[in-house]
């Protein structure tokens, strides 16, 4: 998922248990990737980070720092294994599925 200023994005705040239009703040991670932090306007808590057009990069594990596209060319079984992990977040799961 990426953020577009002209697009209205509705997210679910698990703390308020409501669907809301989040408040956005631009952040830059330590690895220099730009994201937008979405937070709840009611309680102010973090909801999720939204990538800003950068390539899909894995931020953990043995391929940390590599793009998912490169990993799919080098070790597709690793991505297939990763999809079976119970704690994998939906947004990462969807990114990986694009390359398999």
C-alpha atoms as a PDB file:
ATOM      1  CA  UNK A   1       0.000   0.000   0.000  1.00  0.00           C
ATOM      2  CA  UNK A   2       1.271   3.452  -0.752  1.00  0.00           C
ATOM      3  CA  UNK A   3      -0.014   6.845   0.298  1.00  0.00           C
ATOM      4  CA  UNK A   4      -1.443   9.380  -2.130  1.00  0.00           C
ATOM      5  CA  UNK A   5      -2.407  12.790  -0.715  1.00  0.00           C
ATOM      6  CA  UNK A   6      -5.453  12.995  -2.992  1.00  0.00           C
ATOM      7  CA  UNK A   7      -6.776   9.640  -1.848  1.00  0.00           C
ATOM      8  CA  UNK A   8      -8.905   9.225   1.276  1.00  0.00           C
ATOM      9  CA  UNK A   9      -7.737   6.152   3.134  1.00  0.00           C
ATOM     10  CA  UNK A  10      -9.883   4.607   5.855  1.00  0.00           C
ATOM     11  CA  UNK A  11      -8.085   2.435   8.397  1.00  0.00           C
ATOM     12  CA  UNK A  12      -9.205   0.593  11.508  1.00  0.00           C
ATOM     13  CA  UNK A  13      -7.966   1.750  14.912  1.00  0.00           C
ATOM     14  CA  UNK A  14      -7.804  -1.323  17.129  1.00  0.00           C
ATOM     15  CA  UNK A  15      -7.656   0.872  20.261  1.00  0.00           C
ATOM     16  CA  UNK A  16     -10.860   2.835  19.503  1.00  0.00           C
ATOM     17  CA  UNK A  17     -12.326  -0.128  17.578  1.00  0.00           C
ATOM     18  CA  UNK A  18     -13.510   2.181  14.811  1.00  0.00           C
ATOM     19  CA  UNK A  19     -12.779   2.835  11.155  1.00  0.00           C
ATOM     20  CA  UNK A  20     -11.204   6.295  10.872  1.00  0.00           C
ATOM     21  CA  UNK A  21      -9.495   8.649   8.447  1.00  0.00           C
ATOM     22  CA  UNK A  22      -5.997   8.721   9.954  1.00  0.00           C
ATOM     23  CA  UNK A  23      -3.673  11.636  10.600  1.00  0.00           C
ATOM     24  CA  UNK A  24      -0.479  11.419   8.532  1.00  0.00           C
ATOM     25  CA  UNK A  25       3.123  12.334   9.353  1.00  0.00           C
ATOM     26  CA  UNK A  26       6.104  11.760   7.058  1.00  0.00           C
ATOM     27  CA  UNK A  27       8.986   9.774   8.594  1.00  0.00           C
ATOM     28  CA  UNK A  28      12.325   8.502   7.331  1.00  0.00           C
ATOM     29  CA  UNK A  29      13.558   5.165   8.662  1.00  0.00           C
ATOM     30  CA  UNK A  30      17.172   4.407   9.590  1.00  0.00           C
ATOM     31  CA  UNK A  31      17.629   2.641   6.232  1.00  0.00           C
ATOM     32  CA  UNK A  32      16.679   5.941   4.490  1.00  0.00           C
ATOM     33  CA  UNK A  33      13.305   4.718   3.201  1.00  0.00           C
ATOM     34  CA  UNK A  34      10.475   7.243   3.341  1.00  0.00           C
ATOM     35  CA  UNK A  35       7.158   6.298   4.891  1.00  0.00           C
ATOM     36  CA  UNK A  36       4.026   7.997   6.118  1.00  0.00           C
ATOM     37  CA  UNK A  37       2.928   7.194   9.643  1.00  0.00           C
ATOM     38  CA  UNK A  38      -0.837   6.865   9.957  1.00  0.00           C
ATOM     39  CA  UNK A  39      -2.244   7.496  13.425  1.00  0.00           C
ATOM     40  CA  UNK A  40      -5.714   7.733  14.933  1.00  0.00           C
ATOM     41  CA  UNK A  41      -7.114  11.288  15.228  1.00  0.00           C
ATOM     42  CA  UNK A  42      -9.154  10.238  18.292  1.00  0.00           C
ATOM     43  CA  UNK A  43      -6.601   8.506  20.538  1.00  0.00           C
ATOM     44  CA  UNK A  44      -3.400   9.557  18.711  1.00  0.00           C
ATOM     45  CA  UNK A  45      -1.989   6.032  18.589  1.00  0.00           C
ATOM     46  CA  UNK A  46       0.039   4.598  15.725  1.00  0.00           C
ATOM     47  CA  UNK A  47      -1.907   2.489  13.213  1.00  0.00           C
ATOM     48  CA  UNK A  48       0.626   1.653  10.504  1.00  0.00           C
ATOM     49  CA  UNK A  49       3.451   2.883   8.322  1.00  0.00           C
ATOM     50  CA  UNK A  50       2.751   3.356   4.626  1.00  0.00           C
ATOM     51  CA  UNK A  51       5.643   2.988   2.188  1.00  0.00           C
ATOM     52  CA  UNK A  52       6.327   5.827  -0.231  1.00  0.00           C
ATOM     53  CA  UNK A  53       6.999   4.293  -3.611  1.00  0.00           C
ATOM     54  CA  UNK A  54      10.257   2.613  -2.692  1.00  0.00           C
ATOM     55  CA  UNK A  55      10.885  -0.909  -3.832  1.00  0.00           C
ATOM     56  CA  UNK A  56       9.571  -3.595  -1.523  1.00  0.00           C
ATOM     57  CA  UNK A  57      12.484  -4.343   0.801  1.00  0.00           C
ATOM     58  CA  UNK A  58      12.680  -7.077   3.418  1.00  0.00           C
ATOM     59  CA  UNK A  59      13.687  -5.587   6.773  1.00  0.00           C
ATOM     60  CA  UNK A  60      14.543  -8.770   8.677  1.00  0.00           C
ATOM     61  CA  UNK A  61      15.992 -12.242   8.301  1.00  0.00           C
ATOM     62  CA  UNK A  62      18.771 -13.569   6.133  1.00  0.00           C
ATOM     63  CA  UNK A  63      17.821 -11.288   3.210  1.00  0.00           C
ATOM     64  CA  UNK A  64      17.482  -8.108   5.264  1.00  0.00           C
ATOM     65  CA  UNK A  65      17.930  -5.047   3.025  1.00  0.00           C
ATOM     66  CA  UNK A  66      17.278  -6.903  -0.245  1.00  0.00           C
ATOM     67  CA  UNK A  67      14.264  -6.247  -2.454  1.00  0.00           C
ATOM     68  CA  UNK A  68      11.575  -8.891  -2.535  1.00  0.00           C
ATOM     69  CA  UNK A  69      11.947  -8.977  -6.322  1.00  0.00           C
ATOM     70  CA  UNK A  70      15.654  -9.856  -6.022  1.00  0.00           C
ATOM     71  CA  UNK A  71      14.893 -12.502  -3.399  1.00  0.00           C
ATOM     72  CA  UNK A  72      12.287 -14.069  -5.696  1.00  0.00           C
ATOM     73  CA  UNK A  73      14.948 -14.481  -8.372  1.00  0.00           C
ATOM     74  CA  UNK A  74      17.564 -15.804  -5.944  1.00  0.00           C
ATOM     75  CA  UNK A  75      15.561 -17.917  -3.470  1.00  0.00           C
ATOM     76  CA  UNK A  76      11.844 -18.204  -4.289  1.00  0.00           C
ATOM     77  CA  UNK A  77      11.383 -21.127  -1.825  1.00  0.00           C
ATOM     78  CA  UNK A  78      12.384 -18.752   1.006  1.00  0.00           C
ATOM     79  CA  UNK A  79       9.501 -16.416   0.102  1.00  0.00           C
ATOM     80  CA  UNK A  80       7.124 -19.385  -0.111  1.00  0.00           C
ATOM     81  CA  UNK A  81       8.286 -20.471   3.348  1.00  0.00           C
ATOM     82  CA  UNK A  82       7.885 -16.930   4.657  1.00  0.00           C
ATOM     83  CA  UNK A  83       4.239 -16.842   3.527  1.00  0.00           C
ATOM     84  CA  UNK A  84       3.524 -19.816   5.803  1.00  0.00           C
ATOM     85  CA  UNK A  85       4.766 -18.038   8.933  1.00  0.00           C
ATOM     86  CA  UNK A  86       1.912 -17.246  11.371  1.00  0.00           C
ATOM     87  CA  UNK A  87       3.140 -13.782  12.404  1.00  0.00           C
ATOM     88  CA  UNK A  88       3.573 -12.394   8.885  1.00  0.00           C
ATOM     89  CA  UNK A  89       1.684  -9.125   8.484  1.00  0.00           C
ATOM     90  CA  UNK A  90      -0.937  -8.885   5.741  1.00  0.00           C
ATOM     91  CA  UNK A  91       0.741  -6.004   3.885  1.00  0.00           C
ATOM     92  CA  UNK A  92       4.033  -7.932   3.648  1.00  0.00           C
ATOM     93  CA  UNK A  93       2.162 -11.083   2.657  1.00  0.00           C
ATOM     94  CA  UNK A  94       0.494  -9.198  -0.203  1.00  0.00           C
ATOM     95  CA  UNK A  95       3.835  -7.754  -1.380  1.00  0.00           C
ATOM     96  CA  UNK A  96       5.429 -11.212  -1.436  1.00  0.00           C
ATOM     97  CA  UNK A  97       2.484 -12.703  -3.325  1.00  0.00           C
ATOM     98  CA  UNK A  98       3.112 -10.209  -6.152  1.00  0.00           C
ATOM     99  CA  UNK A  99       6.492 -11.846  -6.814  1.00  0.00           C
ATOM    100  CA  UNK A 100       5.546 -15.532  -6.506  1.00  0.00           C
END
